[in-house]
Amino acid sequence: MNLYRSEIPSDSTLKLHFWKKSRRIPGNVPYVVDNLWEWKRPAIFPSRQHSIYASPSVAIAKKSGGDGKETVFRVVINGACSIVQIEAEDARFHPDCNKLRKQLNELLGPDWINSDLEIKRQIAALWALCLEKGEVESLFSLLPLAAIRQEIENAVTLWNTARLIDLSGPPPFQKGEIWFEPKESWRLLPLDSNCL
């Protein structure tokens, strides 16, 4: 199985890339949803916050590009790597993106919006970017989030159908988004005519 990625070519595109500890800002998924996904992420799956994204086909990689200035490359992973695929072609289309925000607002109700600034500040932190699992966990120990913890925990469904990938076999889903967290390095290579 090959992985493909769409990028705007630059001087560093074809260079060897190494895993970075820094977190990436989600571009297509609301911050609050990304934080809830990280909170409920089973340890066997790579973190979206540290991952590189890819597609199972050239056509999907082309479609995932933004403004048409991108070029599709083949991804080569060196060494150990944790790779996952979801059924949705792009995480932004996963039902959790709309459902979790709506359910969170419904469960919190209007009381927290009318509460004092300190309570608003504590709850609003859930909408901050790139929270770690422990940071989200600490927020759900505070009221009113503590009162709705179980409902929100049960509402997170991304990981229910996510599948780990072994690159020696076919992908679990023909069109699903893939992300990977390399333990060593990875690189992009130009497509040859056989890949098209």
N, C-alpha and C. Protein backbone atom coordinates (compact mmCIF):
# COMPACT_ATOMS: atom_id res chain seq x y z
N MET A 1 0.84 -1.18 0.00
CA MET A 1 0.00 0.00 0.00
C MET A 1 0.88 1.24 0.00
N ASN A 2 0.52 2.23 -0.81
CA ASN A 2 1.23 3.50 -0.86
C ASN A 2 0.41 4.59 -0.19
N LEU A 3 1.11 5.58 0.34
CA LEU A 3 0.47 6.75 0.92
C LEU A 3 0.84 7.95 0.06
N TYR A 4 -0.09 8.90 -0.06
CA TYR A 4 0.12 10.09 -0.89
C TYR A 4 -0.22 11.33 -0.09
N ARG A 5 0.50 12.40 -0.40
CA ARG A 5 0.30 13.65 0.32
C ARG A 5 0.37 14.81 -0.67
N SER A 6 -0.50 15.78 -0.48
CA SER A 6 -0.54 16.96 -1.33
C SER A 6 0.13 18.12 -0.60
N GLU A 7 1.11 18.75 -1.25
CA GLU A 7 1.83 19.87 -0.64
C GLU A 7 2.21 20.89 -1.70
N ILE A 8 2.35 22.13 -1.28
CA ILE A 8 2.89 23.16 -2.16
C ILE A 8 4.40 22.95 -2.18
N PRO A 9 4.98 22.70 -3.34
CA PRO A 9 6.43 22.44 -3.40
C PRO A 9 7.24 23.63 -2.89
N SER A 10 8.31 23.30 -2.15
CA SER A 10 9.25 24.31 -1.65
C SER A 10 10.64 23.69 -1.64
N ASP A 11 11.62 24.46 -1.20
CA ASP A 11 13.00 23.96 -1.14
C ASP A 11 13.14 22.75 -0.22
N SER A 12 12.28 22.64 0.77
CA SER A 12 12.41 21.55 1.74
C SER A 12 11.49 20.35 1.45
N THR A 13 10.67 20.43 0.41
CA THR A 13 9.68 19.39 0.15
C THR A 13 10.29 17.99 0.06
N LEU A 14 11.35 17.84 -0.69
CA LEU A 14 11.91 16.51 -0.93
C LEU A 14 13.00 16.12 0.07
N LYS A 15 13.24 16.96 1.06
CA LYS A 15 14.25 16.64 2.08
C LYS A 15 13.70 15.62 3.07
N LEU A 16 14.59 15.00 3.79
CA LEU A 16 14.22 14.05 4.84
C LEU A 16 13.62 14.85 6.00
N HIS A 17 12.45 14.41 6.48
CA HIS A 17 11.76 15.08 7.59
C HIS A 17 11.84 14.19 8.82
N PHE A 18 12.03 14.80 9.97
CA PHE A 18 12.10 14.06 11.22
C PHE A 18 10.90 14.40 12.09
N TRP A 19 10.52 13.44 12.93
CA TRP A 19 9.40 13.65 13.83
C TRP A 19 9.67 14.84 14.72
N LYS A 20 8.65 15.68 14.92
CA LYS A 20 8.79 16.86 15.76
C LYS A 20 7.87 16.73 16.97
N LYS A 21 8.39 17.13 18.11
CA LYS A 21 7.59 17.06 19.33
C LYS A 21 6.50 18.14 19.34
N SER A 22 6.70 19.21 18.59
CA SER A 22 5.72 20.29 18.59
C SER A 22 4.38 19.82 18.04
N ARG A 23 3.32 20.42 18.53
CA ARG A 23 1.97 20.06 18.08
C ARG A 23 1.58 20.90 16.88
N ARG A 24 0.70 20.36 16.04
CA ARG A 24 0.24 21.10 14.88
C ARG A 24 -1.17 21.62 15.14
N ILE A 25 -1.44 22.78 14.61
CA ILE A 25 -2.75 23.40 14.78
C ILE A 25 -3.72 22.75 13.80
N PRO A 26 -4.88 22.28 14.26
CA PRO A 26 -5.83 21.66 13.33
C PRO A 26 -6.37 22.69 12.34
N GLY A 27 -6.36 22.32 11.07
CA GLY A 27 -6.83 23.25 10.06
C GLY A 27 -8.26 23.01 9.63
N ASN A 28 -8.71 21.76 9.68
CA ASN A 28 -10.04 21.43 9.17
C ASN A 28 -11.04 21.01 10.24
N VAL A 29 -10.57 20.82 11.46
CA VAL A 29 -11.43 20.32 12.54
C VAL A 29 -11.50 21.37 13.64
N PRO A 30 -12.69 21.65 14.18
CA PRO A 30 -12.79 22.63 15.27
C PRO A 30 -11.89 22.25 16.45
N TYR A 31 -11.27 23.24 17.07
CA TYR A 31 -10.33 22.98 18.16
C TYR A 31 -10.97 22.13 19.26
N VAL A 32 -12.20 22.46 19.64
CA VAL A 32 -12.84 21.72 20.73
C VAL A 32 -13.00 20.24 20.37
N VAL A 33 -13.32 19.94 19.12
CA VAL A 33 -13.47 18.55 18.69
C VAL A 33 -12.12 17.85 18.68
N ASP A 34 -11.10 18.52 18.17
CA ASP A 34 -9.76 17.96 18.16
C ASP A 34 -9.30 17.65 19.59
N ASN A 35 -9.61 18.53 20.52
CA ASN A 35 -9.25 18.31 21.92
C ASN A 35 -9.99 17.12 22.52
N LEU A 36 -11.26 16.99 22.20
CA LEU A 36 -12.04 15.85 22.71
C LEU A 36 -11.54 14.54 22.10
N TRP A 37 -11.15 14.57 20.83
CA TRP A 37 -10.58 13.37 20.19
C TRP A 37 -9.28 12.98 20.87
N GLU A 38 -8.43 13.96 21.18
CA GLU A 38 -7.17 13.65 21.84
C GLU A 38 -7.42 13.10 23.25
N TRP A 39 -8.39 13.64 23.93
CA TRP A 39 -8.76 13.20 25.29
C TRP A 39 -9.15 11.73 25.29
N LYS A 40 -9.90 11.31 24.29
CA LYS A 40 -10.41 9.94 24.25
C LYS A 40 -9.56 9.01 23.38
N ARG A 41 -8.44 9.47 22.87
CA ARG A 41 -7.60 8.66 21.99
C ARG A 41 -6.99 7.48 22.75
N PRO A 42 -7.26 6.24 22.27
CA PRO A 42 -6.58 5.08 22.86
C PRO A 42 -5.07 5.17 22.57
N ALA A 43 -4.28 4.70 23.50
CA ALA A 43 -2.82 4.82 23.41
C ALA A 43 -2.23 4.13 22.18
N ILE A 44 -2.93 3.17 21.60
CA ILE A 44 -2.39 2.46 20.43
C ILE A 44 -2.41 3.31 19.17
N PHE A 45 -3.22 4.38 19.15
CA PHE A 45 -3.35 5.21 17.95
C PHE A 45 -2.41 6.42 18.02
N PRO A 46 -1.89 6.86 16.85
CA PRO A 46 -1.06 8.07 16.84
C PRO A 46 -1.90 9.31 17.15
N SER A 47 -1.26 10.28 17.76
CA SER A 47 -1.92 11.54 18.08
C SER A 47 -2.09 12.38 16.82
N ARG A 48 -3.27 12.91 16.60
CA ARG A 48 -3.49 13.82 15.47
C ARG A 48 -2.63 15.07 15.63
N GLN A 49 -2.33 15.42 16.86
CA GLN A 49 -1.60 16.66 17.13
C GLN A 49 -0.12 16.58 16.76
N HIS A 50 0.39 15.38 16.54
CA HIS A 50 1.80 15.22 16.19
C HIS A 50 1.97 14.51 14.85
N SER A 51 0.89 14.32 14.13
CA SER A 51 0.92 13.47 12.94
C SER A 51 1.09 14.23 11.63
N ILE A 52 1.42 13.45 10.61
CA ILE A 52 1.47 13.91 9.23
C ILE A 52 0.28 13.24 8.54
N TYR A 53 -0.39 13.95 7.67
CA TYR A 53 -1.60 13.44 7.04
C TYR A 53 -1.33 12.97 5.62
N ALA A 54 -2.08 11.96 5.22
CA ALA A 54 -1.89 11.38 3.89
C ALA A 54 -3.22 10.80 3.40
N SER A 55 -3.19 10.32 2.17
CA SER A 55 -4.36 9.73 1.53
C SER A 55 -3.98 8.38 0.94
N PRO A 56 -4.98 7.50 0.76
CA PRO A 56 -4.69 6.17 0.20
C PRO A 56 -4.59 6.16 -1.32
N SER A 57 -4.89 7.30 -1.98
CA SER A 57 -4.81 7.35 -3.44
C SER A 57 -4.39 8.73 -3.92
N VAL A 58 -3.87 8.79 -5.13
CA VAL A 58 -3.46 10.06 -5.73
C VAL A 58 -4.68 10.97 -5.90
N ALA A 59 -5.80 10.41 -6.33
CA ALA A 59 -7.01 11.21 -6.58
C ALA A 59 -7.50 11.89 -5.30
N ILE A 60 -7.50 11.17 -4.20
CA ILE A 60 -7.97 11.76 -2.94
C ILE A 60 -6.97 12.80 -2.45
N ALA A 61 -5.68 12.53 -2.61
CA ALA A 61 -4.66 13.51 -2.21
C ALA A 61 -4.83 14.80 -3.02
N LYS A 62 -5.12 14.67 -4.32
CA LYS A 62 -5.35 15.87 -5.15
C LYS A 62 -6.53 16.67 -4.63
N LYS A 63 -7.60 15.95 -4.30
CA LYS A 63 -8.81 16.60 -3.82
C LYS A 63 -8.59 17.27 -2.47
N SER A 64 -7.71 16.71 -1.64
CA SER A 64 -7.49 17.27 -0.31
C SER A 64 -6.65 18.54 -0.35
N GLY A 65 -5.98 18.79 -1.47
CA GLY A 65 -5.20 20.02 -1.63
C GLY A 65 -6.12 21.22 -1.56
N GLY A 66 -5.60 22.33 -1.16
CA GLY A 66 -6.44 23.51 -0.96
C GLY A 66 -6.80 24.27 -2.21
N ASP A 67 -5.89 25.09 -2.70
CA ASP A 67 -6.22 26.02 -3.76
C ASP A 67 -5.68 25.62 -5.13
N GLY A 68 -5.24 24.39 -5.28
CA GLY A 68 -4.77 23.93 -6.57
C GLY A 68 -3.30 24.17 -6.84
N LYS A 69 -2.59 24.80 -5.89
CA LYS A 69 -1.16 25.04 -6.07
C LYS A 69 -0.33 23.86 -5.59
N GLU A 70 -0.99 22.89 -4.96
CA GLU A 70 -0.29 21.75 -4.40
C GLU A 70 0.06 20.73 -5.47
N THR A 71 1.06 19.93 -5.15
CA THR A 71 1.47 18.80 -5.98
C THR A 71 1.33 17.55 -5.13
N VAL A 72 0.96 16.45 -5.73
CA VAL A 72 0.84 15.19 -4.99
C VAL A 72 2.18 14.46 -5.03
N PHE A 73 2.58 13.99 -3.86
CA PHE A 73 3.82 13.23 -3.71
C PHE A 73 3.52 11.88 -3.06
N ARG A 74 4.43 10.94 -3.27
CA ARG A 74 4.34 9.66 -2.57
C ARG A 74 5.10 9.80 -1.26
N VAL A 75 4.53 9.23 -0.19
CA VAL A 75 5.14 9.30 1.14
C VAL A 75 5.97 8.05 1.37
N VAL A 76 7.19 8.23 1.85
CA VAL A 76 8.06 7.11 2.22
C VAL A 76 8.40 7.27 3.70
N ILE A 77 8.11 6.24 4.48
CA ILE A 77 8.36 6.28 5.91
C ILE A 77 9.58 5.42 6.22
N ASN A 78 10.50 5.98 6.98
CA ASN A 78 11.71 5.26 7.38
C ASN A 78 11.58 4.83 8.84
N GLY A 79 11.72 3.56 9.10
CA GLY A 79 11.69 3.06 10.48
C GLY A 79 10.28 2.86 11.00
N ALA A 80 10.19 2.72 12.30
CA ALA A 80 8.92 2.44 12.97
C ALA A 80 7.95 3.61 12.80
N CYS A 81 6.67 3.27 12.74
CA CYS A 81 5.66 4.30 12.53
C CYS A 81 4.31 3.77 12.98
N SER A 82 3.54 4.63 13.60
CA SER A 82 2.17 4.31 13.96
C SER A 82 1.26 4.99 12.95
N ILE A 83 0.42 4.20 12.26
CA ILE A 83 -0.41 4.73 11.17
C ILE A 83 -1.86 4.33 11.41
N VAL A 84 -2.77 5.27 11.24
CA VAL A 84 -4.19 5.00 11.44
C VAL A 84 -4.99 5.53 10.25
N GLN A 85 -6.12 4.90 10.00
CA GLN A 85 -7.04 5.38 8.96
C GLN A 85 -8.44 5.43 9.53
N ILE A 86 -9.16 6.49 9.14
CA ILE A 86 -10.57 6.59 9.50
C ILE A 86 -11.41 6.41 8.24
N GLU A 87 -12.69 6.16 8.42
CA GLU A 87 -13.55 5.90 7.28
C GLU A 87 -13.84 7.16 6.47
N ALA A 88 -13.92 8.32 7.15
CA ALA A 88 -14.21 9.59 6.47
C ALA A 88 -13.03 10.00 5.60
N GLU A 89 -13.33 10.52 4.41
CA GLU A 89 -12.28 10.95 3.48
C GLU A 89 -11.42 12.06 4.07
N ASP A 90 -12.00 12.88 4.91
CA ASP A 90 -11.30 13.95 5.61
C ASP A 90 -11.94 14.03 6.99
N ALA A 91 -11.14 14.21 8.04
CA ALA A 91 -11.66 14.24 9.41
C ALA A 91 -12.74 15.31 9.58
N ARG A 92 -12.68 16.36 8.78
CA ARG A 92 -13.70 17.42 8.91
C ARG A 92 -15.09 16.93 8.55
N PHE A 93 -15.19 15.81 7.83
CA PHE A 93 -16.49 15.25 7.46
C PHE A 93 -16.98 14.21 8.47
N HIS A 94 -16.17 13.92 9.48
CA HIS A 94 -16.60 12.94 10.48
C HIS A 94 -17.79 13.51 11.25
N PRO A 95 -18.81 12.70 11.53
CA PRO A 95 -20.01 13.19 12.23
C PRO A 95 -19.72 13.87 13.57
N ASP A 96 -18.64 13.48 14.25
CA ASP A 96 -18.30 14.11 15.53
C ASP A 96 -18.12 15.62 15.40
N CYS A 97 -17.66 16.10 14.25
CA CYS A 97 -17.35 17.53 14.11
C CYS A 97 -18.56 18.41 14.38
N ASN A 98 -19.72 18.00 13.93
CA ASN A 98 -20.93 18.77 14.22
C ASN A 98 -21.61 18.30 15.50
N LYS A 99 -21.67 16.99 15.67
CA LYS A 99 -22.42 16.42 16.79
C LYS A 99 -21.83 16.82 18.14
N LEU A 100 -20.51 16.75 18.28
CA LEU A 100 -19.90 17.04 19.58
C LEU A 100 -20.09 18.50 19.99
N ARG A 101 -19.92 19.41 19.06
CA ARG A 101 -20.12 20.84 19.40
C ARG A 101 -21.55 21.10 19.82
N LYS A 102 -22.48 20.55 19.06
CA LYS A 102 -23.91 20.76 19.36
C LYS A 102 -24.28 20.15 20.71
N GLN A 103 -23.83 18.91 20.95
CA GLN A 103 -24.16 18.23 22.20
C GLN A 103 -23.53 18.92 23.40
N LEU A 104 -22.31 19.39 23.24
CA LEU A 104 -21.64 20.10 24.32
C LEU A 104 -22.42 21.36 24.70
N ASN A 105 -22.83 22.13 23.72
CA ASN A 105 -23.60 23.35 24.00
C ASN A 105 -24.96 23.03 24.61
N GLU A 106 -25.63 21.98 24.11
CA GLU A 106 -26.93 21.60 24.67
C GLU A 106 -26.80 21.15 26.13
N LEU A 107 -25.78 20.34 26.41
CA LEU A 107 -25.61 19.83 27.77
C LEU A 107 -25.18 20.92 28.75
N LEU A 108 -24.36 21.85 28.30
CA LEU A 108 -23.97 22.95 29.18
C LEU A 108 -25.13 23.91 29.41
N GLY A 109 -25.98 24.04 28.41
CA GLY A 109 -27.14 24.92 28.54
C GLY A 109 -26.76 26.38 28.65
N PRO A 110 -27.76 27.25 28.82
CA PRO A 110 -27.50 28.69 28.86
C PRO A 110 -26.89 29.18 30.17
N ASP A 111 -26.92 28.34 31.22
CA ASP A 111 -26.43 28.81 32.53
C ASP A 111 -24.97 29.21 32.52
N TRP A 112 -24.14 28.43 31.81
CA TRP A 112 -22.72 28.76 31.85
C TRP A 112 -22.41 30.04 31.09
N ILE A 113 -23.20 30.33 30.07
CA ILE A 113 -22.99 31.57 29.30
C ILE A 113 -23.29 32.78 30.18
N ASN A 114 -24.25 32.63 31.09
CA ASN A 114 -24.64 33.73 31.98
C ASN A 114 -23.89 33.70 33.31
N SER A 115 -22.95 32.78 33.45
CA SER A 115 -22.21 32.68 34.72
C SER A 115 -21.12 33.74 34.80
N ASP A 116 -20.44 33.80 35.94
CA ASP A 116 -19.41 34.83 36.11
C ASP A 116 -18.17 34.50 35.26
N LEU A 117 -17.32 35.48 35.12
CA LEU A 117 -16.18 35.40 34.21
C LEU A 117 -15.24 34.24 34.55
N GLU A 118 -15.04 33.97 35.82
CA GLU A 118 -14.10 32.90 36.20
C GLU A 118 -14.59 31.54 35.71
N ILE A 119 -15.87 31.26 35.85
CA ILE A 119 -16.41 29.98 35.36
C ILE A 119 -16.33 29.92 33.84
N LYS A 120 -16.66 31.01 33.17
CA LYS A 120 -16.55 31.06 31.71
C LYS A 120 -15.12 30.79 31.26
N ARG A 121 -14.17 31.39 31.97
CA ARG A 121 -12.75 31.22 31.62
C ARG A 121 -12.34 29.75 31.69
N GLN A 122 -12.75 29.08 32.75
CA GLN A 122 -12.38 27.67 32.93
C GLN A 122 -12.97 26.79 31.84
N ILE A 123 -14.22 26.98 31.54
CA ILE A 123 -14.87 26.15 30.52
C ILE A 123 -14.37 26.50 29.13
N ALA A 124 -14.15 27.78 28.86
CA ALA A 124 -13.70 28.21 27.54
C ALA A 124 -12.36 27.60 27.17
N ALA A 125 -11.57 27.19 28.15
CA ALA A 125 -10.28 26.56 27.87
C ALA A 125 -10.44 25.31 27.02
N LEU A 126 -11.59 24.67 27.06
CA LEU A 126 -11.84 23.46 26.26
C LEU A 126 -11.79 23.79 24.76
N TRP A 127 -12.02 25.05 24.40
CA TRP A 127 -12.00 25.49 22.99
C TRP A 127 -10.61 26.00 22.56
N ALA A 128 -9.63 25.92 23.46
CA ALA A 128 -8.27 26.36 23.12
C ALA A 128 -7.64 25.36 22.15
N LEU A 129 -6.59 25.76 21.46
CA LEU A 129 -5.99 24.84 20.49
C LEU A 129 -4.98 23.90 21.12
N CYS A 130 -4.96 22.69 20.60
CA CYS A 130 -3.95 21.66 20.92
C CYS A 130 -3.81 21.32 22.40
N LEU A 131 -4.91 21.01 23.05
CA LEU A 131 -4.83 20.57 24.44
C LEU A 131 -4.38 19.11 24.49
N GLU A 132 -3.60 18.78 25.49
CA GLU A 132 -3.19 17.39 25.70
C GLU A 132 -4.28 16.66 26.48
N LYS A 133 -4.20 15.34 26.45
CA LYS A 133 -5.18 14.49 27.13
C LYS A 133 -5.37 14.90 28.59
N GLY A 134 -4.26 15.09 29.32
CA GLY A 134 -4.34 15.46 30.73
C GLY A 134 -4.95 16.83 30.97
N GLU A 135 -4.72 17.74 30.04
CA GLU A 135 -5.31 19.08 30.16
C GLU A 135 -6.82 19.02 30.01
N VAL A 136 -7.30 18.22 29.06
CA VAL A 136 -8.75 18.07 28.89
C VAL A 136 -9.33 17.35 30.10
N GLU A 137 -8.63 16.33 30.56
CA GLU A 137 -9.08 15.59 31.75
C GLU A 137 -9.26 16.52 32.94
N SER A 138 -8.32 17.44 33.14
CA SER A 138 -8.42 18.36 34.28
C SER A 138 -9.62 19.30 34.13
N LEU A 139 -9.96 19.69 32.90
CA LEU A 139 -11.12 20.55 32.69
C LEU A 139 -12.42 19.82 33.04
N PHE A 140 -12.48 18.53 32.77
CA PHE A 140 -13.69 17.76 33.07
C PHE A 140 -13.81 17.40 34.55
N SER A 141 -12.87 17.87 35.36
CA SER A 141 -13.01 17.71 36.81
C SER A 141 -13.70 18.94 37.41
N LEU A 142 -13.89 19.97 36.59
CA LEU A 142 -14.51 21.22 37.04
C LEU A 142 -15.98 21.26 36.68
N LEU A 143 -16.78 21.85 37.54
CA LEU A 143 -18.19 22.05 37.20
C LEU A 143 -18.29 23.25 36.27
N PRO A 144 -19.20 23.28 35.33
CA PRO A 144 -20.24 22.29 35.06
C PRO A 144 -19.80 21.14 34.14
N LEU A 145 -18.54 21.14 33.66
CA LEU A 145 -18.11 20.06 32.76
C LEU A 145 -18.13 18.70 33.44
N ALA A 146 -17.81 18.66 34.73
CA ALA A 146 -17.81 17.39 35.46
C ALA A 146 -19.18 16.73 35.43
N ALA A 147 -20.24 17.54 35.42
CA ALA A 147 -21.60 17.00 35.44
C ALA A 147 -22.01 16.36 34.11
N ILE A 148 -21.32 16.73 33.03
CA ILE A 148 -21.69 16.18 31.71
C ILE A 148 -20.58 15.31 31.12
N ARG A 149 -19.60 15.00 31.94
CA ARG A 149 -18.44 14.25 31.48
C ARG A 149 -18.81 12.95 30.78
N GLN A 150 -19.64 12.13 31.41
CA GLN A 150 -19.97 10.81 30.85
C GLN A 150 -20.68 10.92 29.50
N GLU A 151 -21.60 11.86 29.39
CA GLU A 151 -22.32 12.04 28.12
C GLU A 151 -21.37 12.44 26.99
N ILE A 152 -20.44 13.34 27.29
CA ILE A 152 -19.48 13.77 26.25
C ILE A 152 -18.51 12.65 25.93
N GLU A 153 -18.07 11.95 26.96
CA GLU A 153 -17.17 10.81 26.74
C GLU A 153 -17.82 9.78 25.82
N ASN A 154 -19.08 9.49 26.05
CA ASN A 154 -19.81 8.52 25.22
C ASN A 154 -20.08 9.04 23.81
N ALA A 155 -20.11 10.36 23.65
CA ALA A 155 -20.44 10.96 22.35
C ALA A 155 -19.26 10.94 21.38
N VAL A 156 -18.03 10.79 21.87
CA VAL A 156 -16.85 10.77 21.00
C VAL A 156 -16.79 9.42 20.29
N THR A 157 -16.94 9.43 18.96
CA THR A 157 -17.01 8.16 18.21
C THR A 157 -15.87 7.95 17.22
N LEU A 158 -14.99 8.93 17.04
CA LEU A 158 -13.93 8.82 16.03
C LEU A 158 -13.17 7.50 16.13
N TRP A 159 -12.78 7.12 17.34
CA TRP A 159 -11.90 5.96 17.52
C TRP A 159 -12.63 4.63 17.40
N ASN A 160 -13.97 4.65 17.40
CA ASN A 160 -14.73 3.39 17.31
C ASN A 160 -14.48 2.66 16.00
N THR A 161 -14.30 3.39 14.92
CA THR A 161 -14.10 2.74 13.61
C THR A 161 -12.71 2.98 13.03
N ALA A 162 -11.85 3.70 13.76
CA ALA A 162 -10.48 3.93 13.28
C ALA A 162 -9.73 2.59 13.28
N ARG A 163 -8.83 2.44 12.30
CA ARG A 163 -8.08 1.19 12.16
C ARG A 163 -6.60 1.48 12.01
N LEU A 164 -5.78 0.71 12.72
CA LEU A 164 -4.34 0.77 12.52
C LEU A 164 -4.02 0.16 11.17
N ILE A 165 -2.99 0.68 10.52
CA ILE A 165 -2.62 0.23 9.17
C ILE A 165 -1.27 -0.46 9.20
N ASP A 166 -1.21 -1.54 8.44
CA ASP A 166 0.05 -2.21 8.14
C ASP A 166 0.29 -1.96 6.66
N LEU A 167 1.36 -1.26 6.32
CA LEU A 167 1.59 -0.87 4.93
C LEU A 167 1.82 -2.05 3.99
N SER A 168 1.99 -3.25 4.54
CA SER A 168 2.19 -4.41 3.66
C SER A 168 0.87 -4.95 3.12
N GLY A 169 -0.25 -4.45 3.64
CA GLY A 169 -1.56 -4.90 3.17
C GLY A 169 -2.38 -3.76 2.60
N PRO A 170 -3.61 -4.05 2.19
CA PRO A 170 -4.49 -3.00 1.65
C PRO A 170 -5.03 -2.12 2.78
N PRO A 171 -5.46 -0.90 2.44
CA PRO A 171 -6.03 -0.03 3.48
C PRO A 171 -7.39 -0.57 3.93
N PRO A 172 -7.76 -0.36 5.17
CA PRO A 172 -9.08 -0.80 5.65
C PRO A 172 -10.23 -0.11 4.90
N PHE A 173 -10.01 1.16 4.52
CA PHE A 173 -11.03 1.94 3.83
C PHE A 173 -10.45 2.48 2.53
N GLN A 174 -11.20 2.44 1.46
CA GLN A 174 -10.72 2.89 0.15
C GLN A 174 -10.46 4.39 0.09
N LYS A 175 -11.25 5.18 0.85
CA LYS A 175 -11.14 6.63 0.73
C LYS A 175 -10.79 7.33 2.03
N GLY A 176 -10.62 6.63 3.12
CA GLY A 176 -10.46 7.26 4.42
C GLY A 176 -9.15 8.00 4.62
N GLU A 177 -9.23 9.09 5.39
CA GLU A 177 -8.04 9.88 5.73
C GLU A 177 -7.08 9.03 6.57
N ILE A 178 -5.80 9.25 6.33
CA ILE A 178 -4.74 8.53 7.04
C ILE A 178 -3.87 9.55 7.74
N TRP A 179 -3.43 9.21 8.94
CA TRP A 179 -2.39 10.02 9.55
C TRP A 179 -1.39 9.11 10.24
N PHE A 180 -0.15 9.59 10.29
CA PHE A 180 0.91 8.76 10.84
C PHE A 180 1.87 9.58 11.68
N GLU A 181 2.41 8.91 12.69
CA GLU A 181 3.37 9.52 13.60
C GLU A 181 4.66 8.71 13.49
N PRO A 182 5.60 9.18 12.68
CA PRO A 182 6.85 8.42 12.50
C PRO A 182 7.73 8.51 13.74
N LYS A 183 8.33 7.41 14.09
CA LYS A 183 9.25 7.42 15.24
C LYS A 183 10.63 7.90 14.80
N GLU A 184 10.91 7.80 13.48
CA GLU A 184 12.22 8.21 12.98
C GLU A 184 12.06 9.33 11.95
N SER A 185 11.90 8.98 10.68
CA SER A 185 11.83 10.01 9.65
C SER A 185 10.89 9.59 8.52
N TRP A 186 10.62 10.56 7.64
CA TRP A 186 9.78 10.32 6.47
C TRP A 186 10.19 11.31 5.39
N ARG A 187 9.80 11.00 4.16
CA ARG A 187 10.11 11.91 3.06
C ARG A 187 9.04 11.81 1.98
N LEU A 188 9.05 12.80 1.11
CA LEU A 188 8.15 12.83 -0.03
C LEU A 188 8.97 12.57 -1.29
N LEU A 189 8.40 11.79 -2.20
CA LEU A 189 9.05 11.54 -3.48
C LEU A 189 8.09 11.91 -4.60
N PRO A 190 8.61 12.42 -5.71
CA PRO A 190 7.74 12.73 -6.85
C PRO A 190 7.06 11.44 -7.35
N LEU A 191 5.88 11.61 -7.87
CA LEU A 191 5.16 10.46 -8.44
C LEU A 191 5.82 10.05 -9.76
N ASP A 192 5.89 8.76 -9.99
CA ASP A 192 6.32 8.35 -11.33
C ASP A 192 5.08 8.03 -12.14
N SER A 193 5.20 7.80 -13.40
CA SER A 193 4.04 7.61 -14.27
C SER A 193 3.20 6.40 -13.88
N ASN A 194 3.79 5.43 -13.19
CA ASN A 194 3.05 4.25 -12.76
C ASN A 194 2.10 4.51 -11.62
N CYS A 195 2.29 5.64 -10.90
CA CYS A 195 1.44 5.95 -9.76
C CYS A 195 0.15 6.64 -10.17
N LEU A 196 0.09 7.15 -11.38
CA LEU A 196 -1.09 7.91 -11.81
C LEU A 196 -2.14 7.03 -12.31
